[in-house]
Amino acid sequence: MNNLLIAFIAVTAAAVLLQAGLLAGMYFAVRKTSARVELLAEEVKTKVLPTAELAQTMISDLRRKIDTLMDNASVSSSTIRAQVERVDATLTDIVDRTRLQVIRADEFVTSTMDKLEETREAVQRTVVSPVRHVSGLLHGLTVGVEAFFSRRRGRTSVTVPQDEMFI
């Protein structure tokens, strides 16, 4: 049993020494990796962080410029909308006034045409009809006088064509 106990102690001592060696190897590996990571961290600090700060500054400047641009666009849009509304109101007023003038001109032309028609009818009644009647009477008298004087001269009968009989 003594031998067995010594064997177990020897195996345990060997296992502890093996673990100590592994831990020492891991320590040196982690220390080497830690040194590399520190170098990378230092390099990131010197190269990437200034670039990130520059990018952040540029983004801040761009944000201000974009805000200014948006404000200007908003003001321009409002101004344009107001001007378009004014132009629309002006054009609507012009169209309404033009429509009224066209209606007035139409009424004027219609009234003038009606008066011209009345005048034509009045001239027809008072001038043309009596002149036709007088012309017909004079024509009849002329034909009668010619017929009278032509019978006296030759006592020949004068025949009047059928077309001339109607006035």
C-alpha atoms as a PDB file:
ATOM      1  CA  MET A   1       0.000   0.000   0.000  1.00  0.00           C
ATOM      2  CA  ASN A   2       2.899   2.201   0.628  1.00  0.00           C
ATOM      3  CA  ASN A   3       4.063   1.706  -2.868  1.00  0.00           C
ATOM      4  CA  LEU A   4       0.703   2.517  -4.214  1.00  0.00           C
ATOM      5  CA  LEU A   5       0.540   5.739  -2.254  1.00  0.00           C
ATOM      6  CA  ILE A   6       3.984   6.791  -3.497  1.00  0.00           C
ATOM      7  CA  ALA A   7       2.877   6.065  -7.071  1.00  0.00           C
ATOM      8  CA  PHE A   8      -0.246   8.213  -6.686  1.00  0.00           C
ATOM      9  CA  ILE A   9       1.763  11.050  -5.143  1.00  0.00           C
ATOM     10  CA  ALA A  10       4.328  10.796  -7.977  1.00  0.00           C
ATOM     11  CA  VAL A  11       1.560  10.868 -10.636  1.00  0.00           C
ATOM     12  CA  THR A  12      -0.096  13.817  -8.906  1.00  0.00           C
ATOM     13  CA  ALA A  13       3.245  15.662  -8.646  1.00  0.00           C
ATOM     14  CA  ALA A  14       3.883  15.032 -12.357  1.00  0.00           C
ATOM     15  CA  ALA A  15       0.376  16.318 -13.205  1.00  0.00           C
ATOM     16  CA  VAL A  16       0.913  19.447 -11.104  1.00  0.00           C
ATOM     17  CA  LEU A  17       4.304  20.074 -12.776  1.00  0.00           C
ATOM     18  CA  LEU A  18       2.709  19.551 -16.213  1.00  0.00           C
ATOM     19  CA  GLN A  19      -0.058  22.021 -15.343  1.00  0.00           C
ATOM     20  CA  ALA A  20       2.503  24.539 -14.054  1.00  0.00           C
ATOM     21  CA  GLY A  21       4.424  24.213 -17.341  1.00  0.00           C
ATOM     22  CA  LEU A  22       1.258  24.686 -19.369  1.00  0.00           C
ATOM     23  CA  LEU A  23       0.284  27.713 -17.290  1.00  0.00           C
ATOM     24  CA  ALA A  24       3.775  29.213 -17.749  1.00  0.00           C
ATOM     25  CA  GLY A  25       3.518  28.636 -21.548  1.00  0.00           C
ATOM     26  CA  MET A  26       0.083  30.229 -21.615  1.00  0.00           C
ATOM     27  CA  TYR A  27       1.410  33.164 -19.585  1.00  0.00           C
ATOM     28  CA  PHE A  28       4.230  33.821 -22.059  1.00  0.00           C
ATOM     29  CA  ALA A  29       1.869  33.421 -25.061  1.00  0.00           C
ATOM     30  CA  VAL A  30      -0.674  35.826 -23.539  1.00  0.00           C
ATOM     31  CA  ARG A  31       2.089  38.286 -22.696  1.00  0.00           C
ATOM     32  CA  LYS A  32       3.379  38.181 -26.276  1.00  0.00           C
ATOM     33  CA  THR A  33      -0.155  38.598 -27.671  1.00  0.00           C
ATOM     34  CA  SER A  34      -0.832  41.387 -25.191  1.00  0.00           C
ATOM     35  CA  ALA A  35       2.245  43.251 -26.445  1.00  0.00           C
ATOM     36  CA  ARG A  36       1.005  42.895 -30.038  1.00  0.00           C
ATOM     37  CA  VAL A  37      -2.479  44.052 -29.093  1.00  0.00           C
ATOM     38  CA  GLU A  38      -1.002  47.070 -27.302  1.00  0.00           C
ATOM     39  CA  LEU A  39       0.989  47.944 -30.433  1.00  0.00           C
ATOM     40  CA  LEU A  40      -2.165  47.619 -32.566  1.00  0.00           C
ATOM     41  CA  ALA A  41      -4.121  49.722 -30.082  1.00  0.00           C
ATOM     42  CA  GLU A  42      -1.440  52.397 -30.191  1.00  0.00           C
ATOM     43  CA  GLU A  43      -1.451  52.322 -33.990  1.00  0.00           C
ATOM     44  CA  VAL A  44      -5.264  52.623 -34.035  1.00  0.00           C
ATOM     45  CA  LYS A  45      -5.027  55.578 -31.678  1.00  0.00           C
ATOM     46  CA  THR A  46      -2.474  57.347 -33.858  1.00  0.00           C
ATOM     47  CA  LYS A  47      -4.015  56.597 -37.281  1.00  0.00           C
ATOM     48  CA  VAL A  48      -7.717  55.797 -36.982  1.00  0.00           C
ATOM     49  CA  LEU A  49      -8.846  58.098 -34.168  1.00  0.00           C
ATOM     50  CA  PRO A  50      -7.678  61.335 -35.874  1.00  0.00           C
ATOM     51  CA  THR A  51      -9.461  60.180 -39.020  1.00  0.00           C
ATOM     52  CA  ALA A  52     -12.575  59.413 -36.996  1.00  0.00           C
ATOM     53  CA  GLU A  53     -12.396  62.809 -35.334  1.00  0.00           C
ATOM     54  CA  LEU A  54     -11.955  64.448 -38.741  1.00  0.00           C
ATOM     55  CA  ALA A  55     -14.940  62.481 -40.066  1.00  0.00           C
ATOM     56  CA  GLN A  56     -16.988  63.537 -37.040  1.00  0.00           C
ATOM     57  CA  THR A  57     -16.014  67.191 -37.641  1.00  0.00           C
ATOM     58  CA  MET A  58     -16.911  66.888 -41.320  1.00  0.00           C
ATOM     59  CA  ILE A  59     -20.250  65.289 -40.464  1.00  0.00           C
ATOM     60  CA  SER A  60     -20.961  68.097 -37.995  1.00  0.00           C
ATOM     61  CA  ASP A  61     -20.125  70.716 -40.661  1.00  0.00           C
ATOM     62  CA  LEU A  62     -22.220  68.885 -43.231  1.00  0.00           C
ATOM     63  CA  ARG A  63     -25.109  68.677 -40.785  1.00  0.00           C
ATOM     64  CA  ARG A  64     -24.990  72.465 -40.300  1.00  0.00           C
ATOM     65  CA  LYS A  65     -24.792  73.044 -44.050  1.00  0.00           C
ATOM     66  CA  ILE A  66     -27.647  70.627 -44.714  1.00  0.00           C
ATOM     67  CA  ASP A  67     -29.739  72.362 -42.043  1.00  0.00           C
ATOM     68  CA  THR A  68     -29.031  75.721 -43.691  1.00  0.00           C
ATOM     69  CA  LEU A  69     -29.867  74.271 -47.105  1.00  0.00           C
ATOM     70  CA  MET A  70     -33.139  72.828 -45.826  1.00  0.00           C
ATOM     71  CA  ASP A  71     -34.057  76.150 -44.193  1.00  0.00           C
ATOM     72  CA  ASN A  72     -33.306  78.005 -47.442  1.00  0.00           C
ATOM     73  CA  ALA A  73     -35.327  75.483 -49.452  1.00  0.00           C
ATOM     74  CA  SER A  74     -38.238  75.876 -47.066  1.00  0.00           C
ATOM     75  CA  VAL A  75     -38.139  79.675 -47.301  1.00  0.00           C
ATOM     76  CA  SER A  76     -37.806  79.501 -51.107  1.00  0.00           C
ATOM     77  CA  SER A  77     -40.706  77.091 -51.320  1.00  0.00           C
ATOM     78  CA  SER A  78     -42.892  79.377 -49.208  1.00  0.00           C
ATOM     79  CA  THR A  79     -41.931  82.405 -51.306  1.00  0.00           C
ATOM     80  CA  ILE A  80     -42.588  80.580 -54.569  1.00  0.00           C
ATOM     81  CA  ARG A  81     -45.940  79.335 -53.272  1.00  0.00           C
ATOM     82  CA  ALA A  82     -46.950  82.901 -52.311  1.00  0.00           C
ATOM     83  CA  GLN A  83     -45.870  84.240 -55.721  1.00  0.00           C
ATOM     84  CA  VAL A  84     -47.752  81.483 -57.556  1.00  0.00           C
ATOM     85  CA  GLU A  85     -50.860  82.272 -55.513  1.00  0.00           C
ATOM     86  CA  ARG A  86     -50.514  85.960 -56.440  1.00  0.00           C
ATOM     87  CA  VAL A  87     -50.082  85.114 -60.123  1.00  0.00           C
ATOM     88  CA  ASP A  88     -53.084  82.791 -59.939  1.00  0.00           C
ATOM     89  CA  ALA A  89     -55.218  85.505 -58.343  1.00  0.00           C
ATOM     90  CA  THR A  90     -54.080  88.016 -60.971  1.00  0.00           C
ATOM     91  CA  LEU A  91     -54.786  85.649 -63.854  1.00  0.00           C
ATOM     92  CA  THR A  92     -58.190  84.788 -62.398  1.00  0.00           C
ATOM     93  CA  ASP A  93     -58.990  88.497 -62.156  1.00  0.00           C
ATOM     94  CA  ILE A  94     -57.834  89.062 -65.747  1.00  0.00           C
ATOM     95  CA  VAL A  95     -59.941  86.164 -67.013  1.00  0.00           C
ATOM     96  CA  ASP A  96     -63.000  87.411 -65.114  1.00  0.00           C
ATOM     97  CA  ARG A  97     -62.588  90.945 -66.447  1.00  0.00           C
ATOM     98  CA  THR A  98     -62.024  89.674 -69.979  1.00  0.00           C
ATOM     99  CA  ARG A  99     -65.137  87.520 -69.717  1.00  0.00           C
ATOM    100  CA  LEU A 100     -67.168  90.567 -68.602  1.00  0.00           C
ATOM    101  CA  GLN A 101     -65.796  92.665 -71.475  1.00  0.00           C
ATOM    102  CA  VAL A 102     -66.640  89.915 -73.970  1.00  0.00           C
ATOM    103  CA  ILE A 103     -70.184  89.759 -72.589  1.00  0.00           C
ATOM    104  CA  ARG A 104     -70.484  93.547 -72.851  1.00  0.00           C
ATOM    105  CA  ALA A 105     -69.111  93.513 -76.414  1.00  0.00           C
ATOM    106  CA  ASP A 106     -71.546  90.737 -77.350  1.00  0.00           C
ATOM    107  CA  GLU A 107     -74.462  92.699 -75.915  1.00  0.00           C
ATOM    108  CA  PHE A 108     -73.276  95.829 -77.759  1.00  0.00           C
ATOM    109  CA  VAL A 109     -72.963  94.012 -81.098  1.00  0.00           C
ATOM    110  CA  THR A 110     -76.326  92.293 -80.608  1.00  0.00           C
ATOM    111  CA  SER A 111     -77.983  95.626 -79.765  1.00  0.00           C
ATOM    112  CA  THR A 112     -76.363  97.297 -82.770  1.00  0.00           C
ATOM    113  CA  MET A 113     -77.450  94.477 -85.084  1.00  0.00           C
ATOM    114  CA  ASP A 114     -81.011  94.692 -83.728  1.00  0.00           C
ATOM    115  CA  LYS A 115     -81.082  98.464 -84.330  1.00  0.00           C
ATOM    116  CA  LEU A 116     -79.677  97.996 -87.844  1.00  0.00           C
ATOM    117  CA  GLU A 117     -82.401  95.433 -88.567  1.00  0.00           C
ATOM    118  CA  GLU A 118     -85.084  97.810 -87.256  1.00  0.00           C
ATOM    119  CA  THR A 119     -83.612 100.632 -89.364  1.00  0.00           C
ATOM    120  CA  ARG A 120     -83.558  98.411 -92.449  1.00  0.00           C
ATOM    121  CA  GLU A 121     -87.175  97.457 -91.896  1.00  0.00           C
ATOM    122  CA  ALA A 122     -88.126 101.092 -91.355  1.00  0.00           C
ATOM    123  CA  VAL A 123     -86.308 102.154 -94.547  1.00  0.00           C
ATOM    124  CA  GLN A 124     -88.023  99.286 -96.377  1.00  0.00           C
ATOM    125  CA  ARG A 125     -91.440 100.417 -95.105  1.00  0.00           C
ATOM    126  CA  THR A 126     -90.995 104.152 -95.500  1.00  0.00           C
ATOM    127  CA  VAL A 127     -88.692 104.526 -98.504  1.00  0.00           C
ATOM    128  CA  VAL A 128     -88.334 101.425-100.689  1.00  0.00           C
ATOM    129  CA  SER A 129     -92.005 100.334-100.775  1.00  0.00           C
ATOM    130  CA  PRO A 130     -93.345 103.781-101.666  1.00  0.00           C
ATOM    131  CA  VAL A 131     -90.591 104.231-104.271  1.00  0.00           C
ATOM    132  CA  ARG A 132     -91.574 100.896-105.866  1.00  0.00           C
ATOM    133  CA  HIS A 133     -95.216 101.933-105.871  1.00  0.00           C
ATOM    134  CA  VAL A 134     -94.368 105.296-107.418  1.00  0.00           C
ATOM    135  CA  SER A 135     -92.031 103.598-109.909  1.00  0.00           C
ATOM    136  CA  GLY A 136     -94.782 101.167-110.846  1.00  0.00           C
ATOM    137  CA  LEU A 137     -97.254 104.004-111.287  1.00  0.00           C
ATOM    138  CA  LEU A 138     -94.785 106.007-113.385  1.00  0.00           C
ATOM    139  CA  HIS A 139     -94.001 102.986-115.491  1.00  0.00           C
ATOM    140  CA  GLY A 140     -97.729 102.399-115.997  1.00  0.00           C
ATOM    141  CA  LEU A 141     -98.255 106.046-116.916  1.00  0.00           C
ATOM    142  CA  THR A 142     -95.309 105.924-119.304  1.00  0.00           C
ATOM    143  CA  VAL A 143     -96.638 102.831-121.028  1.00  0.00           C
ATOM    144  CA  GLY A 144    -100.113 104.346-121.128  1.00  0.00           C
ATOM    145  CA  VAL A 145     -98.877 107.625-122.617  1.00  0.00           C
ATOM    146  CA  GLU A 146     -96.754 105.780-125.192  1.00  0.00           C
ATOM    147  CA  ALA A 147     -99.678 103.606-126.124  1.00  0.00           C
ATOM    148  CA  PHE A 148    -101.929 106.644-126.388  1.00  0.00           C
ATOM    149  CA  PHE A 149     -99.546 108.581-128.600  1.00  0.00           C
ATOM    150  CA  SER A 150     -98.620 105.630-130.753  1.00  0.00           C
ATOM    151  CA  ARG A 151    -102.317 104.952-131.565  1.00  0.00           C
ATOM    152  CA  ARG A 152    -102.836 108.481-132.655  1.00  0.00           C
ATOM    153  CA  ARG A 153     -99.991 108.362-135.039  1.00  0.00           C
ATOM    154  CA  GLY A 154    -100.537 105.147-136.766  1.00  0.00           C
ATOM    155  CA  ARG A 155    -103.553 103.704-135.229  1.00  0.00           C
ATOM    156  CA  THR A 156    -101.742 100.464-135.130  1.00  0.00           C
ATOM    157  CA  SER A 157    -102.109  98.204-132.221  1.00  0.00           C
ATOM    158  CA  VAL A 158     -99.119  97.767-130.055  1.00  0.00           C
ATOM    159  CA  THR A 159     -98.834  94.410-128.419  1.00  0.00           C
ATOM    160  CA  VAL A 160     -97.012  94.183-125.175  1.00  0.00           C
ATOM    161  CA  PRO A 161     -95.127  90.968-124.514  1.00  0.00           C
ATOM    162  CA  GLN A 162     -96.412  88.865-121.647  1.00  0.00           C
ATOM    163  CA  ASP A 163     -93.276  89.438-119.589  1.00  0.00           C
ATOM    164  CA  GLU A 164     -93.730  93.187-119.535  1.00  0.00           C
ATOM    165  CA  MET A 165     -97.277  93.008-118.284  1.00  0.00           C
ATOM    166  CA  PHE A 166     -96.269  92.168-114.776  1.00  0.00           C
ATOM    167  CA  ILE A 167     -94.544  94.608-112.538  1.00  0.00           C
END
